[in-house]
Amino acid sequence: MSAVKGANRTILDTEPRVKLDAGLVDGRVKVTHDTYEASTLANPSTIDMGGLIPTNAFVLYVLLTFDALGGSVTLDVGDDEDPNRYLNAVDASSAGGSIVPLVDGQGYQVDMTTASTPDNQLVVTVGGSGTATGTIKLSIIYTHD
C-alpha cells in the first residue's frame, strides 16, 4: 500500500509554512443560483445566469437541472472565455441534471485575465437542433475569502 498526499496537503506540510490561496483550505462556501424559463428558445442561444463570481474564487460545483427541453437539445455551461468549461453537450431532450463532470472546471479559479472574454459570468449555451422549451436551473457553489 502506498501513502501519498494531495497537492494542498503537501504544501501545508512544508516548512517553512507556505500560505495557500484564500478559499483552498477553510474557505467559506458561497452560492449563486438562477432560473430561466425557455419558450421556443432557438439554438444557438446563450443565457447569462447567476451573479458574477468574484475574481480569485474557486468554483467547486456547477449544478444544472432542466425539464425535457425538446428533442436533440444540448446544454453547455461555461463562460465567455471557455463556453463549455464546466459542462459539455449535456443531453437535455429528457428532464435531468448534471454536476461538473469536466476535470478542468472543478476547482477552476476565476482570474478575469481578459476583459473582452470574462470568466466570472456563468453562461448556459443552448445547442443541438430544434428549439428549447422548459425550465433551466443553475447553481454555482464556490469558495472566496
Protein backbone atom coordinates (compact mmCIF):
# COMPACT_ATOMS: atom_id res chain seq x y z
CA MET A 1 0.00 0.00 0.00
CA SER A 2 1.24 3.49 -0.81
CA ALA A 3 0.64 6.55 1.36
CA VAL A 4 0.59 9.71 -0.72
CA LYS A 5 -0.62 13.29 -0.25
CA GLY A 6 -2.67 15.66 -2.37
CA ALA A 7 -1.10 18.86 -3.68
CA ASN A 8 -2.54 21.12 -0.96
CA ARG A 9 -1.76 18.67 1.86
CA THR A 10 1.85 18.57 0.64
CA ILE A 11 2.03 22.38 0.69
CA LEU A 12 0.52 22.51 4.18
CA ASP A 13 3.13 20.04 5.46
CA THR A 14 6.13 22.01 4.18
CA GLU A 15 8.38 24.05 6.44
CA PRO A 16 8.53 26.96 6.42
CA ARG A 17 4.78 27.09 6.07
CA VAL A 18 3.52 28.28 2.72
CA LYS A 19 0.22 30.13 2.57
CA LEU A 20 -2.39 28.72 0.20
CA ASP A 21 -4.71 30.90 -1.84
CA ALA A 22 -7.80 32.02 0.07
CA GLY A 23 -10.60 29.53 -0.35
CA LEU A 24 -8.47 26.39 -0.77
CA VAL A 25 -8.40 25.48 2.92
CA ASP A 26 -11.02 26.64 5.47
CA GLY A 27 -12.72 28.69 2.75
CA ARG A 28 -16.24 29.99 3.09
CA VAL A 29 -18.65 28.39 0.66
CA LYS A 30 -20.94 30.70 -1.29
CA VAL A 31 -23.61 30.12 -3.89
CA THR A 32 -25.34 31.90 -6.72
CA HIS A 33 -28.48 30.42 -8.26
CA ASP A 34 -30.67 31.32 -11.21
CA THR A 35 -33.64 30.00 -13.21
CA TYR A 36 -34.57 30.58 -16.83
CA GLU A 37 -37.90 29.67 -18.37
CA ALA A 38 -37.26 28.91 -22.04
CA SER A 39 -40.06 29.32 -24.53
CA THR A 40 -39.12 28.09 -28.01
CA LEU A 41 -35.56 29.34 -27.47
CA ALA A 42 -33.64 28.88 -30.71
CA ASN A 43 -30.20 27.38 -30.83
CA PRO A 44 -27.58 28.53 -30.60
CA SER A 45 -28.60 30.84 -27.76
CA THR A 46 -26.77 31.90 -24.62
CA ILE A 47 -28.22 32.60 -21.20
CA ASP A 48 -26.23 34.57 -18.59
CA MET A 49 -27.11 33.05 -15.23
CA GLY A 50 -26.43 33.89 -11.60
CA GLY A 51 -24.38 36.69 -10.12
CA LEU A 52 -20.80 37.48 -11.06
CA ILE A 53 -18.27 35.15 -9.44
CA PRO A 54 -15.57 37.16 -7.63
CA THR A 55 -12.04 37.20 -9.04
CA ASN A 56 -9.85 34.54 -7.36
CA ALA A 57 -12.88 32.45 -6.31
CA PHE A 58 -12.57 28.68 -6.75
CA VAL A 59 -15.58 27.02 -8.41
CA LEU A 60 -16.44 23.82 -6.54
CA TYR A 61 -19.64 22.65 -8.21
CA VAL A 62 -21.92 23.68 -11.01
CA LEU A 63 -25.31 22.01 -10.72
CA LEU A 64 -27.52 22.15 -13.81
CA THR A 65 -31.09 20.83 -13.81
CA PHE A 66 -33.67 21.07 -16.56
CA ASP A 67 -37.05 19.95 -17.88
CA ALA A 68 -37.27 17.91 -21.08
CA LEU A 69 -36.37 20.84 -23.33
CA GLY A 70 -37.01 19.21 -26.69
CA GLY A 71 -35.54 16.59 -29.00
CA SER A 72 -31.81 16.93 -29.72
CA VAL A 73 -31.35 19.93 -27.38
CA THR A 74 -27.98 20.11 -25.61
CA LEU A 75 -26.66 22.46 -22.94
CA ASP A 76 -23.12 23.66 -22.28
CA VAL A 77 -22.13 25.54 -19.13
CA GLY A 78 -19.12 27.79 -19.16
CA ASP A 79 -18.24 31.44 -19.53
CA ASP A 80 -17.20 33.81 -22.32
CA GLU A 81 -13.59 32.60 -22.15
CA ASP A 82 -14.50 28.90 -22.36
CA PRO A 83 -18.16 28.19 -23.23
CA ASN A 84 -18.01 24.57 -22.01
CA ARG A 85 -15.58 24.88 -19.09
CA TYR A 86 -17.95 23.11 -16.67
CA LEU A 87 -20.37 21.02 -18.71
CA ASN A 88 -20.23 19.98 -22.36
CA ALA A 89 -23.15 18.98 -24.61
CA VAL A 90 -25.44 17.71 -21.83
CA ASP A 91 -28.41 15.94 -23.43
CA ALA A 92 -31.50 17.91 -22.41
CA SER A 93 -34.06 16.06 -24.53
CA SER A 94 -35.28 14.39 -21.29
CA ALA A 95 -35.59 16.00 -17.87
CA GLY A 96 -32.45 15.62 -15.79
CA GLY A 97 -29.41 17.26 -14.34
CA SER A 98 -25.65 17.24 -14.25
CA ILE A 99 -22.88 18.25 -11.86
CA VAL A 100 -19.48 19.49 -13.14
CA PRO A 101 -18.06 16.38 -14.77
CA LEU A 102 -15.20 18.18 -16.53
CA VAL A 103 -11.97 17.98 -14.56
CA ASP A 104 -10.75 21.44 -15.64
CA GLY A 105 -13.92 23.06 -14.33
CA GLN A 106 -13.89 21.56 -10.84
CA GLY A 107 -11.68 23.84 -8.74
CA TYR A 108 -11.30 26.42 -11.52
CA GLN A 109 -10.01 29.75 -10.20
CA VAL A 110 -11.73 32.77 -11.73
CA ASP A 111 -8.97 35.10 -12.93
CA MET A 112 -10.54 37.75 -15.20
CA THR A 113 -7.35 37.93 -17.29
CA THR A 114 -9.12 39.08 -20.46
CA ALA A 115 -11.80 41.75 -20.10
CA SER A 116 -13.30 41.02 -23.53
CA THR A 117 -13.92 37.36 -22.55
CA PRO A 118 -14.80 37.42 -18.85
CA ASP A 119 -14.72 34.16 -16.90
CA ASN A 120 -16.77 35.46 -13.96
CA GLN A 121 -20.23 35.22 -15.56
CA LEU A 122 -21.64 31.70 -15.95
CA VAL A 123 -23.28 31.15 -19.32
CA VAL A 124 -25.56 28.33 -20.45
CA THR A 125 -25.41 27.71 -24.20
CA VAL A 126 -28.36 26.00 -25.85
CA GLY A 127 -27.20 23.83 -28.73
CA GLY A 128 -28.20 20.83 -30.75
CA SER A 129 -31.12 21.16 -33.11
CA GLY A 130 -34.65 22.46 -32.68
CA THR A 131 -35.82 24.86 -30.00
CA ALA A 132 -35.77 24.61 -26.21
CA THR A 133 -38.92 24.93 -24.11
CA GLY A 134 -38.92 24.41 -20.34
CA THR A 135 -37.16 25.33 -17.11
CA ILE A 136 -33.39 25.52 -16.74
CA LYS A 137 -31.86 25.96 -13.27
CA LEU A 138 -28.21 26.57 -12.46
CA SER A 139 -26.48 26.70 -9.07
CA ILE A 140 -22.83 27.66 -8.75
CA ILE A 141 -21.07 26.79 -5.50
CA TYR A 142 -17.69 28.42 -4.93
CA THR A 143 -15.25 29.50 -2.22
CA HIS A 144 -13.93 33.02 -1.81
CA ASP A 145 -12.35 34.74 1.18
